[in-house]
Protein backbone atom coordinates (compact mmCIF):
# COMPACT_ATOMS: atom_id res chain seq x y z
CA MET A 1 0.00 0.00 0.00
CA SER A 2 1.35 3.42 -0.92
CA LEU A 3 0.54 7.07 -0.32
CA ARG A 4 0.14 10.04 -2.65
CA ILE A 5 0.73 13.67 -1.74
CA GLY A 6 -0.88 15.54 -4.57
CA PRO A 7 0.86 14.34 -7.73
CA VAL A 8 3.77 12.84 -5.80
CA ALA A 9 3.77 9.08 -5.22
CA ILE A 10 5.42 8.27 -1.90
CA GLY A 11 5.84 4.54 -2.39
CA GLY A 12 4.86 3.44 1.09
CA ARG A 13 3.03 4.44 4.24
CA VAL A 14 5.85 4.63 6.79
CA LEU A 15 7.62 7.99 6.65
CA ASN A 16 10.71 9.45 8.34
CA ALA A 17 10.03 12.60 10.34
CA PRO A 18 11.96 15.83 9.93
CA MET A 19 14.08 16.19 13.08
CA THR A 20 16.27 19.14 13.94
CA GLY A 21 19.84 18.12 14.65
CA VAL A 22 19.16 14.58 13.45
CA SER A 23 17.84 14.24 9.89
CA ASP A 24 20.76 15.83 8.07
CA LEU A 25 21.75 14.62 4.61
CA PRO A 26 23.98 11.72 5.80
CA CYS A 27 21.19 10.50 8.10
CA ARG A 28 18.64 10.72 5.28
CA ARG A 29 20.99 8.86 2.94
CA ALA A 30 21.51 6.12 5.54
CA ALA A 31 17.74 5.58 5.77
CA SER A 32 17.32 5.77 2.01
CA ARG A 33 20.00 3.14 1.39
CA LEU A 34 17.96 0.85 3.62
CA GLY A 35 14.75 1.39 1.67
CA ALA A 36 13.04 4.39 3.31
CA CYS A 37 10.48 5.88 0.93
CA TYR A 38 10.24 9.38 2.46
CA VAL A 39 12.98 11.23 4.33
CA ALA A 40 12.57 14.88 5.30
CA THR A 41 15.19 17.51 6.09
CA GLU A 42 15.79 19.10 9.41
CA MET A 43 13.56 22.09 10.15
CA VAL A 44 14.78 25.01 8.02
CA ALA A 45 14.21 28.53 9.37
CA CYS A 46 12.99 30.61 6.45
CA ASP A 47 14.51 33.94 7.49
CA ALA A 48 18.00 32.45 7.88
CA PHE A 49 17.50 30.37 4.71
CA ALA A 50 16.76 33.54 2.76
CA ARG A 51 19.89 35.20 4.16
CA GLY A 52 21.96 32.23 3.04
CA ARG A 53 23.25 31.36 6.50
CA PRO A 54 25.56 28.40 5.77
CA ASP A 55 24.40 26.03 8.52
CA VAL A 56 20.74 26.57 7.59
CA VAL A 57 21.37 26.14 3.87
CA ARG A 58 23.21 22.91 4.72
CA ARG A 59 20.07 21.61 6.44
CA ALA A 60 18.25 21.80 3.10
CA ALA A 61 21.08 20.08 1.24
CA VAL A 62 20.12 17.99 -1.76
CA GLY A 63 21.96 14.72 -2.28
CA GLU A 64 22.06 11.83 -4.67
CA GLY A 65 20.20 8.64 -3.90
CA LEU A 66 17.20 10.07 -2.03
CA PRO A 67 13.76 8.80 -3.05
CA LEU A 68 12.25 12.27 -2.64
CA MET A 69 13.48 15.71 -1.65
CA VAL A 70 11.29 16.88 1.23
CA ILE A 71 12.21 20.22 2.81
CA GLN A 72 10.55 21.34 6.03
CA LEU A 73 10.19 25.08 6.62
CA VAL A 74 9.40 27.07 9.75
CA GLY A 75 8.72 30.79 10.13
CA ARG A 76 6.39 33.43 11.51
CA GLU A 77 6.15 35.93 8.64
CA ALA A 78 4.28 35.37 5.40
CA LYS A 79 7.00 37.04 3.34
CA CYS A 80 9.67 34.74 4.78
CA LEU A 81 7.54 31.61 4.29
CA ALA A 82 6.95 32.57 0.66
CA GLU A 83 10.65 33.16 0.06
CA GLY A 84 11.52 29.92 1.82
CA ALA A 85 9.07 28.04 -0.40
CA ARG A 86 10.60 29.60 -3.51
CA LEU A 87 14.12 28.71 -2.40
CA ALA A 88 13.09 25.17 -1.52
CA THR A 89 11.47 24.75 -4.92
CA ALA A 90 14.60 26.05 -6.66
CA ALA A 91 16.70 23.63 -4.57
CA GLY A 92 14.72 20.73 -6.02
CA ALA A 93 12.10 19.99 -3.37
CA ASP A 94 9.44 17.47 -4.37
CA VAL A 95 7.39 18.29 -1.27
CA ILE A 96 7.50 21.30 1.07
CA ASP A 97 6.39 20.67 4.65
CA LEU A 98 5.39 23.51 6.98
CA ASN A 99 6.19 23.10 10.67
CA MET A 100 3.43 24.15 13.06
CA GLY A 101 4.19 21.44 15.58
CA CYS A 102 7.65 22.02 17.04
CA PRO A 103 7.28 22.46 20.83
CA ALA A 104 10.78 23.82 21.55
CA LYS A 105 10.76 27.04 23.58
CA GLU A 106 13.28 28.72 21.28
CA VAL A 107 10.83 28.13 18.40
CA THR A 108 7.50 28.83 20.11
CA GLY A 109 9.03 31.83 21.87
CA GLY A 110 9.53 33.32 18.41
CA LEU A 111 5.87 32.68 17.57
CA SER A 112 6.73 29.80 15.24
CA GLY A 113 6.15 26.06 15.31
CA SER A 114 3.28 24.96 17.53
CA ALA A 115 2.77 28.51 18.84
CA LEU A 116 0.94 29.14 15.56
CA MET A 117 -1.84 26.84 16.76
CA ARG A 118 -2.78 29.66 19.15
CA ASP A 119 -3.56 31.97 16.23
CA LEU A 120 -5.20 30.08 13.38
CA ASP A 121 -5.83 33.24 11.33
CA HIS A 122 -2.10 33.97 11.25
CA ALA A 123 -1.32 30.31 10.62
CA ALA A 124 -3.67 30.39 7.62
CA ARG A 125 -1.93 33.48 6.22
CA LEU A 126 1.44 31.74 6.44
CA ILE A 127 0.11 28.59 4.76
CA ALA A 128 -1.45 30.64 1.97
CA ALA A 129 1.82 32.50 1.35
CA ALA A 130 3.79 29.25 1.03
CA VAL A 131 1.20 27.57 -1.21
CA ALA A 132 1.08 30.59 -3.54
CA ALA A 133 4.88 30.69 -3.84
CA THR A 134 5.45 27.17 -5.19
CA THR A 135 4.21 24.66 -7.71
CA VAL A 136 5.13 21.61 -5.60
CA PRO A 137 2.73 20.13 -3.04
CA VAL A 138 2.75 21.73 0.40
CA THR A 139 2.05 19.66 3.53
CA LEU A 140 1.52 20.67 7.14
CA LYS A 141 2.81 19.12 10.36
CA MET A 142 1.04 20.05 13.59
CA ARG A 143 0.10 18.84 17.06
CA LEU A 144 -3.32 18.21 18.58
CA GLY A 145 -3.28 21.80 19.84
CA TRP A 146 -1.45 24.06 22.23
CA ASP A 147 -2.90 22.36 25.32
CA ASP A 148 -5.82 20.17 26.33
CA GLY A 149 -8.08 23.22 26.50
CA SER A 150 -7.45 24.10 22.86
CA ARG A 151 -7.28 20.94 20.78
CA ASN A 152 -7.91 22.69 17.47
CA ALA A 153 -6.06 20.39 15.06
CA PRO A 154 -9.25 19.52 13.10
CA GLU A 155 -9.99 23.20 12.50
CA LEU A 156 -6.45 24.02 11.41
CA ALA A 157 -6.42 20.98 9.12
CA ALA A 158 -9.71 22.01 7.50
CA ARG A 159 -8.46 25.54 6.92
CA ALA A 160 -5.20 24.23 5.50
CA GLU A 161 -7.10 21.97 3.10
CA SER A 162 -9.20 24.89 1.86
CA ILE A 163 -6.01 26.88 1.17
CA GLY A 164 -4.39 24.11 -0.88
CA VAL A 165 -2.31 21.94 1.48
CA ARG A 166 -2.08 18.37 0.17
CA ALA A 167 -1.47 16.28 3.33
CA ILE A 168 -1.53 16.69 7.12
CA THR A 169 0.75 15.11 9.73
CA VAL A 170 -0.33 15.17 13.37
CA HIS A 171 1.89 14.45 16.34
CA ALA A 172 -0.67 13.04 18.74
CA ARG A 173 0.24 15.21 21.71
CA THR A 174 -0.36 18.86 22.59
CA ARG A 175 2.47 21.34 22.68
CA GLN A 176 2.32 21.53 26.46
CA GLN A 177 3.01 17.81 26.67
CA PHE A 178 6.23 18.21 24.66
CA TYR A 179 7.21 14.53 24.35
CA LYS A 180 5.87 13.41 27.73
CA GLY A 181 2.65 11.78 28.84
CA ALA A 182 0.37 9.52 26.87
CA VAL A 183 0.16 9.86 23.12
CA ASP A 184 -3.47 10.12 21.89
CA TRP A 185 -3.69 8.47 18.48
CA ARG A 186 -7.50 8.33 18.74
CA ALA A 187 -7.67 12.12 18.70
CA VAL A 188 -6.09 12.12 15.24
CA ALA A 189 -9.28 10.44 13.98
CA GLU A 190 -11.03 13.80 14.48
CA VAL A 191 -8.59 15.36 12.02
CA LYS A 192 -9.17 12.53 9.56
CA ALA A 193 -12.93 13.07 9.81
CA ALA A 194 -12.59 16.81 9.19
CA ILE A 195 -10.75 16.62 5.85
CA ARG A 196 -10.40 14.56 2.69
CA LEU A 197 -6.63 14.83 2.54
CA PRO A 198 -4.17 12.07 3.46
CA VAL A 199 -3.49 12.13 7.20
CA ILE A 200 -0.22 10.87 8.71
CA VAL A 201 -0.07 9.99 12.40
CA ASN A 202 3.09 10.62 14.41
CA GLY A 203 4.21 10.05 17.99
CA ASP A 204 5.65 7.06 19.90
CA ILE A 205 5.79 4.75 16.88
CA THR A 206 8.69 2.43 17.60
CA ASP A 207 7.71 -1.07 16.47
CA ALA A 208 5.17 -3.02 14.44
CA ALA A 209 2.61 -3.14 17.26
CA SER A 210 2.65 0.62 17.87
CA ALA A 211 2.52 1.36 14.12
CA ALA A 212 -0.50 -0.92 13.66
CA GLN A 213 -2.25 0.51 16.72
CA ALA A 214 -1.61 4.10 15.61
CA LEU A 215 -3.12 3.38 12.19
CA ALA A 216 -6.12 1.55 13.65
CA GLN A 217 -6.92 4.12 16.33
CA SER A 218 -6.39 7.21 14.16
CA GLY A 219 -7.74 5.96 10.85
CA ALA A 220 -4.73 7.66 9.31
CA ASP A 221 -3.34 6.80 5.90
CA ALA A 222 0.27 6.52 7.02
CA VAL A 223 2.56 6.70 10.04
CA MET A 224 5.60 8.90 10.61
CA VAL A 225 8.55 7.72 12.70
CA GLY A 226 10.58 10.21 14.70
CA ARG A 227 12.51 9.44 17.89
CA GLY A 228 11.87 5.71 17.48
CA GLY A 229 14.32 5.78 14.60
CA TYR A 230 17.25 7.11 16.61
CA GLY A 231 20.15 4.81 15.79
CA ARG A 232 17.82 2.65 13.66
CA PRO A 233 17.82 4.08 10.10
CA TRP A 234 16.41 0.76 8.90
CA LEU A 235 13.23 1.15 10.99
CA THR A 236 10.82 2.66 8.48
CA GLN A 237 11.45 0.03 5.82
CA ALA A 238 11.31 -2.74 8.42
CA LEU A 239 7.96 -1.38 9.62
CA GLU A 240 6.72 -1.19 6.04
CA ARG A 241 7.42 -4.86 5.56
CA ALA A 242 5.95 -5.85 8.91
CA LEU A 243 2.71 -3.95 8.25
CA GLU A 244 2.37 -5.44 4.78
CA SER A 245 2.98 -9.01 5.89
CA GLY A 246 1.46 -8.90 9.37
CA THR A 247 4.67 -10.32 10.79
CA GLU A 248 7.02 -9.21 13.54
CA LEU A 249 9.55 -6.48 12.89
CA ARG A 250 12.83 -7.81 11.49
CA GLU A 251 15.84 -6.01 12.89
CA PRO A 252 19.21 -6.23 11.08
CA THR A 253 21.79 -8.75 12.25
CA LEU A 254 24.55 -7.54 14.53
CA GLY A 255 27.03 -7.48 11.66
CA GLU A 256 24.60 -5.56 9.48
CA ARG A 257 24.08 -2.99 12.22
CA LEU A 258 27.81 -2.37 12.53
CA GLY A 259 28.09 -1.93 8.75
CA ILE A 260 25.18 0.54 8.77
CA ALA A 261 26.75 2.56 11.59
CA LEU A 262 30.15 2.69 9.86
CA ASP A 263 28.65 3.69 6.48
CA HIS A 264 26.67 6.46 8.19
CA PHE A 265 29.79 7.62 10.04
CA ARG A 266 31.93 7.74 6.89
CA ASP A 267 29.26 9.62 4.95
CA THR A 268 29.00 12.15 7.78
CA LEU A 269 32.77 12.76 7.64
CA ARG A 270 32.63 13.24 3.87
CA PHE A 271 29.76 15.70 4.17
CA TYR A 272 31.07 17.86 7.04
CA GLY A 273 34.81 17.13 7.09
CA ASP A 274 36.49 15.24 9.92
CA GLY A 275 36.30 17.92 12.64
CA LEU A 276 32.67 18.93 12.36
CA GLY A 277 31.72 15.46 11.21
CA LEU A 278 33.01 13.86 14.42
CA LYS A 279 31.08 16.35 16.57
CA THR A 280 27.93 16.01 14.51
CA PHE A 281 27.95 12.22 14.54
CA ARG A 282 28.37 11.82 18.30
CA LYS A 283 24.63 11.79 18.98
CA HIS A 284 24.17 9.07 16.36
CA LEU A 285 27.15 7.20 17.76
CA GLY A 286 25.50 7.13 21.17
CA TRP A 287 22.25 5.81 19.70
CA TYR A 288 24.06 3.10 17.76
CA VAL A 289 25.85 2.05 20.94
CA GLU A 290 22.45 1.68 22.61
CA GLY A 291 21.74 -1.05 20.07
CA ALA A 292 25.12 -2.74 20.32
CA PRO A 293 25.24 -6.47 21.09
CA TRP A 294 27.36 -6.80 24.20
CA PRO A 295 25.78 -7.97 27.46
CA LEU A 296 26.53 -4.76 29.36
CA GLY A 297 24.55 -3.02 32.06
CA PRO A 298 23.42 0.62 31.84
CA GLU A 299 26.49 1.97 33.63
CA ALA A 300 28.94 0.19 31.32
CA ARG A 301 26.95 1.27 28.27
CA ARG A 302 27.06 4.88 29.39
CA ALA A 303 30.81 4.56 29.91
CA ALA A 304 31.22 3.15 26.40
CA LYS A 305 29.29 6.02 24.85
CA ALA A 306 31.21 8.62 26.84
CA ALA A 307 34.57 7.10 25.92
CA LEU A 308 33.77 6.80 22.22
CA CYS A 309 32.51 10.38 22.06
CA GLN A 310 35.78 11.70 23.53
CA ILE A 311 38.04 10.18 20.88
CA PRO A 312 39.31 13.04 18.69
CA GLU A 313 40.38 11.10 15.58
CA ALA A 314 37.96 9.55 13.09
CA ALA A 315 40.10 6.46 12.41
CA ARG A 316 40.34 5.69 16.12
CA VAL A 317 36.58 6.06 16.55
CA GLU A 318 36.00 3.58 13.76
CA ARG A 319 38.48 1.06 15.21
CA ALA A 320 37.15 1.43 18.74
CA LEU A 321 33.54 1.03 17.67
CA THR A 322 34.37 -2.05 15.62
CA ASP A 323 36.38 -3.63 18.46
CA LEU A 324 33.68 -2.87 20.99
CA TRP A 325 30.92 -4.13 18.73
CA THR A 326 32.64 -7.40 17.96
CA GLY A 327 33.59 -8.04 21.58
CA ARG A 328 37.34 -7.88 20.98
CA SER A 329 38.01 -5.44 23.79
CA GLU A 330 36.76 -4.03 27.06
CA MET A 331 36.07 -0.41 27.97
CA PRO A 332 39.66 0.40 29.05
CA MET A 333 40.87 0.06 25.48
CA LEU A 334 39.04 3.24 24.62
CA ALA A 335 41.48 5.32 26.66
CA PRO A 336 44.39 6.83 24.71
CA ARG A 337 47.27 4.39 24.36
């Protein structure tokens, strides 16, 4: 079963979420090599994008081998959203996603992200500006609302549909929950009932059971995986297969996992250079270590992550990770020799 966003065929119904500080180009390529059908950029701030700030432009980087180019934009001014949409289109975006769901204080404090769910008239103006500025389909990612007293996702979705948005993603929590408390997939069914567009459900989808439950409870057309994919770039394709076959999720073998981690690491170094690449990859390194095979307790695992993330040379990181993964050494070997 596949999904369409306007004229764009997605090729599946398990999507990778845009995640700031995580879904950079090497991360998206790692997932794509493993069969992911939809991988989105980090959140791109339109004002900085328009000014050409290098780190923000890098977040929208286009690379070979991606199934689709999906750029997520965030902003609070219609002029900036329109310019961001034009720049994203020129960069080769197949889909432009608008972020009205980010709960981070540095984003909502600037009246962006999920703060826009407190002012639907302004949110509608921003959506209209982006839709008018591009010929590619525009999608919208939101939450259930700002808090439990203002769960207005169905209304925002309906207004977005009338403006020309082609799909809606809902993280099934309010902004005030951040990423805590129970996720409410059933509430997403109210969004599905309010519009005719494809609806994608997001939040706490980590395995085949949670993906199937999210689809059943929400009535959504697809699921989006975010934090559940940390250190597991294979997850979306594995979920796709599990949902299609009704079988358990198949995780890669231990050897396959090591190969995936090393390929991701090397691609990160090529993209950023060794210095920045090492710093950038450390979060991924920690997540990969969480899935490593050794029979270690939490304290030893934390020590392994800390030691690996302090090694200053790329070649040594690769050797240490390989030795640790294959059980050829203990933690002390990570100290400088």
